[in-house]
Amino acid sequence: MVSFALTLLRFFRALRRAWRDSLFRSSFYLLLIILFSGTMFYATVEGFRYLDAFYFSVVTLTTLGYGGLHPETDAGKIFTVFYLFTGMGIAITVVTRLGRAMYHEPVRKHRDH
């Protein structure tokens, strides 16, 4: 139990460090928007319960794909393809920046070219 508490504490400290990074913050907000839009789409178009729609959105973006839920409409299948390509990169950015903060790597300033 102590180990879990220390891990959780380390996670929240890393989250606080990562939050200072503008790329992390913007990617995190974008990820929330993508998860919300995926949840709303699957609940509306596929008829999933909201919890199932959120679960499916997360499982899809993390590419776990347990297979219990899946889109059955053509619109759902097409949306899922675009949802994966759009959301996966953003989810990877959030996780990578958070991982760097956990190991105290210096955050490189994001430059617009």
C-alpha atoms as a PDB file:
ATOM      1  CA  MET A   1       0.000   0.000   0.000  1.00  0.00           C
ATOM      2  CA  VAL A   2       2.887   2.376   0.781  1.00  0.00           C
ATOM      3  CA  SER A   3       4.394   1.656  -2.633  1.00  0.00           C
ATOM      4  CA  PHE A   4       1.130   2.566  -4.358  1.00  0.00           C
ATOM      5  CA  ALA A   5       0.892   5.819  -2.391  1.00  0.00           C
ATOM      6  CA  LEU A   6       4.457   6.764  -3.323  1.00  0.00           C
ATOM      7  CA  THR A   7       3.813   5.980  -6.981  1.00  0.00           C
ATOM      8  CA  LEU A   8       0.671   8.089  -6.925  1.00  0.00           C
ATOM      9  CA  LEU A   9       2.534  10.941  -5.256  1.00  0.00           C
ATOM     10  CA  ARG A  10       5.280  10.733  -7.887  1.00  0.00           C
ATOM     11  CA  PHE A  11       2.662  10.791 -10.636  1.00  0.00           C
ATOM     12  CA  PHE A  12       1.010  13.950  -9.289  1.00  0.00           C
ATOM     13  CA  ARG A  13       4.366  15.680  -8.891  1.00  0.00           C
ATOM     14  CA  ALA A  14       5.204  14.810 -12.482  1.00  0.00           C
ATOM     15  CA  LEU A  15       1.813  16.083 -13.588  1.00  0.00           C
ATOM     16  CA  ARG A  16       2.519  19.389 -11.849  1.00  0.00           C
ATOM     17  CA  ARG A  17       5.936  19.605 -13.578  1.00  0.00           C
ATOM     18  CA  ALA A  18       4.462  18.687 -16.960  1.00  0.00           C
ATOM     19  CA  TRP A  19       1.731  21.294 -16.541  1.00  0.00           C
ATOM     20  CA  ARG A  20       4.401  24.016 -16.851  1.00  0.00           C
ATOM     21  CA  ASP A  21       4.992  22.887 -20.442  1.00  0.00           C
ATOM     22  CA  SER A  22       2.704  24.716 -22.879  1.00  0.00           C
ATOM     23  CA  LEU A  23       2.773  21.807 -25.359  1.00  0.00           C
ATOM     24  CA  PHE A  24       1.636  19.422 -22.628  1.00  0.00           C
ATOM     25  CA  ARG A  25      -1.198  21.735 -21.562  1.00  0.00           C
ATOM     26  CA  SER A  26      -2.475  22.344 -25.082  1.00  0.00           C
ATOM     27  CA  SER A  27      -2.212  18.639 -25.966  1.00  0.00           C
ATOM     28  CA  PHE A  28      -3.977  17.680 -22.739  1.00  0.00           C
ATOM     29  CA  TYR A  29      -6.873  20.051 -23.457  1.00  0.00           C
ATOM     30  CA  LEU A  30      -7.061  18.799 -27.024  1.00  0.00           C
ATOM     31  CA  LEU A  31      -7.112  15.208 -25.756  1.00  0.00           C
ATOM     32  CA  LEU A  32     -10.039  16.056 -23.467  1.00  0.00           C
ATOM     33  CA  ILE A  33     -11.907  17.579 -26.410  1.00  0.00           C
ATOM     34  CA  ILE A  34     -11.217  14.522 -28.558  1.00  0.00           C
ATOM     35  CA  LEU A  35     -12.355  12.148 -25.796  1.00  0.00           C
ATOM     36  CA  PHE A  36     -15.504  14.205 -25.265  1.00  0.00           C
ATOM     37  CA  SER A  37     -16.310  14.305 -28.989  1.00  0.00           C
ATOM     38  CA  GLY A  38     -15.680  10.566 -29.348  1.00  0.00           C
ATOM     39  CA  THR A  39     -17.882   9.849 -26.347  1.00  0.00           C
ATOM     40  CA  MET A  40     -20.692  11.997 -27.722  1.00  0.00           C
ATOM     41  CA  PHE A  41     -20.394  10.472 -31.202  1.00  0.00           C
ATOM     42  CA  TYR A  42     -20.478   6.867 -30.024  1.00  0.00           C
ATOM     43  CA  ALA A  43     -23.329   7.556 -27.627  1.00  0.00           C
ATOM     44  CA  THR A  44     -25.377   9.324 -30.289  1.00  0.00           C
ATOM     45  CA  VAL A  45     -24.592   7.395 -33.475  1.00  0.00           C
ATOM     46  CA  GLU A  46     -23.805   3.933 -32.138  1.00  0.00           C
ATOM     47  CA  GLY A  47     -26.253   4.066 -29.240  1.00  0.00           C
ATOM     48  CA  PHE A  48     -23.635   3.202 -26.605  1.00  0.00           C
ATOM     49  CA  ARG A  49     -24.330   4.190 -23.001  1.00  0.00           C
ATOM     50  CA  TYR A  50     -22.210   7.219 -22.070  1.00  0.00           C
ATOM     51  CA  LEU A  51     -19.869   5.194 -19.882  1.00  0.00           C
ATOM     52  CA  ASP A  52     -19.457   2.591 -22.641  1.00  0.00           C
ATOM     53  CA  ALA A  53     -18.889   5.357 -25.202  1.00  0.00           C
ATOM     54  CA  PHE A  54     -16.189   6.946 -23.033  1.00  0.00           C
ATOM     55  CA  TYR A  55     -14.603   3.545 -22.382  1.00  0.00           C
ATOM     56  CA  PHE A  56     -14.601   2.743 -26.102  1.00  0.00           C
ATOM     57  CA  SER A  57     -13.073   6.148 -26.882  1.00  0.00           C
ATOM     58  CA  VAL A  58     -10.201   5.569 -24.448  1.00  0.00           C
ATOM     59  CA  VAL A  59      -9.626   1.970 -25.538  1.00  0.00           C
ATOM     60  CA  THR A  60      -9.601   3.056 -29.173  1.00  0.00           C
ATOM     61  CA  LEU A  61      -7.115   5.905 -28.656  1.00  0.00           C
ATOM     62  CA  THR A  62      -4.776   3.699 -26.661  1.00  0.00           C
ATOM     63  CA  THR A  63      -5.081   1.035 -29.398  1.00  0.00           C
ATOM     64  CA  LEU A  64      -5.943  -1.643 -26.852  1.00  0.00           C
ATOM     65  CA  GLY A  65      -9.067  -2.695 -28.728  1.00  0.00           C
ATOM     66  CA  TYR A  66     -10.566  -5.270 -26.358  1.00  0.00           C
ATOM     67  CA  GLY A  67     -13.295  -6.056 -28.870  1.00  0.00           C
ATOM     68  CA  GLY A  68     -16.284  -6.096 -26.524  1.00  0.00           C
ATOM     69  CA  LEU A  69     -17.652  -2.956 -28.126  1.00  0.00           C
ATOM     70  CA  HIS A  70     -17.294  -1.997 -31.746  1.00  0.00           C
ATOM     71  CA  PRO A  71     -19.005   0.353 -34.189  1.00  0.00           C
ATOM     72  CA  GLU A  72     -21.745  -1.279 -36.211  1.00  0.00           C
ATOM     73  CA  THR A  73     -22.778   1.585 -38.486  1.00  0.00           C
ATOM     74  CA  ASP A  74     -20.821   2.705 -41.533  1.00  0.00           C
ATOM     75  CA  ALA A  75     -20.641   6.212 -40.062  1.00  0.00           C
ATOM     76  CA  GLY A  76     -19.204   4.764 -36.846  1.00  0.00           C
ATOM     77  CA  LYS A  77     -16.555   2.801 -38.716  1.00  0.00           C
ATOM     78  CA  ILE A  78     -15.497   5.805 -40.815  1.00  0.00           C
ATOM     79  CA  PHE A  79     -15.433   8.064 -37.744  1.00  0.00           C
ATOM     80  CA  THR A  80     -13.303   5.523 -35.859  1.00  0.00           C
ATOM     81  CA  VAL A  81     -10.651   5.510 -38.589  1.00  0.00           C
ATOM     82  CA  PHE A  82     -10.316   9.302 -38.493  1.00  0.00           C
ATOM     83  CA  TYR A  83     -10.640   9.319 -34.698  1.00  0.00           C
ATOM     84  CA  LEU A  84      -7.676   6.948 -34.403  1.00  0.00           C
ATOM     85  CA  PHE A  85      -5.416   8.894 -36.748  1.00  0.00           C
ATOM     86  CA  THR A  86      -6.274  12.201 -35.116  1.00  0.00           C
ATOM     87  CA  GLY A  87      -6.348  11.231 -31.467  1.00  0.00           C
ATOM     88  CA  MET A  88      -3.528   8.735 -31.259  1.00  0.00           C
ATOM     89  CA  GLY A  89      -0.789  11.272 -31.926  1.00  0.00           C
ATOM     90  CA  ILE A  90      -2.197  13.649 -29.352  1.00  0.00           C
ATOM     91  CA  ALA A  91      -2.522  10.898 -26.749  1.00  0.00           C
ATOM     92  CA  ILE A  92       1.089   9.857 -27.403  1.00  0.00           C
ATOM     93  CA  THR A  93       2.243  13.460 -26.969  1.00  0.00           C
ATOM     94  CA  VAL A  94       0.497  13.760 -23.598  1.00  0.00           C
ATOM     95  CA  VAL A  95       1.888  10.461 -22.310  1.00  0.00           C
ATOM     96  CA  THR A  96       5.412  11.210 -23.591  1.00  0.00           C
ATOM     97  CA  ARG A  97       5.542  14.670 -22.016  1.00  0.00           C
ATOM     98  CA  LEU A  98       4.208  13.269 -18.742  1.00  0.00           C
ATOM     99  CA  GLY A  99       6.798  10.479 -18.837  1.00  0.00           C
ATOM    100  CA  ARG A 100       9.578  13.004 -19.344  1.00  0.00           C
ATOM    101  CA  ALA A 101       8.332  14.967 -16.344  1.00  0.00           C
ATOM    102  CA  MET A 102       8.330  11.789 -14.236  1.00  0.00           C
ATOM    103  CA  TYR A 103      12.018  11.291 -14.942  1.00  0.00           C
ATOM    104  CA  HIS A 104      12.864  14.975 -14.524  1.00  0.00           C
ATOM    105  CA  GLU A 105      14.035  15.403 -18.106  1.00  0.00           C
ATOM    106  CA  PRO A 106      14.362  19.034 -19.009  1.00  0.00           C
ATOM    107  CA  VAL A 107      11.478  20.240 -21.112  1.00  0.00           C
ATOM    108  CA  ARG A 108      12.533  21.564 -24.484  1.00  0.00           C
ATOM    109  CA  LYS A 109      10.821  24.724 -25.504  1.00  0.00           C
ATOM    110  CA  HIS A 110       8.348  24.132 -28.307  1.00  0.00           C
ATOM    111  CA  ARG A 111       9.285  26.301 -31.266  1.00  0.00           C
ATOM    112  CA  ASP A 112       7.024  27.234 -34.124  1.00  0.00           C
ATOM    113  CA  HIS A 113       8.834  27.106 -37.447  1.00  0.00           C
END
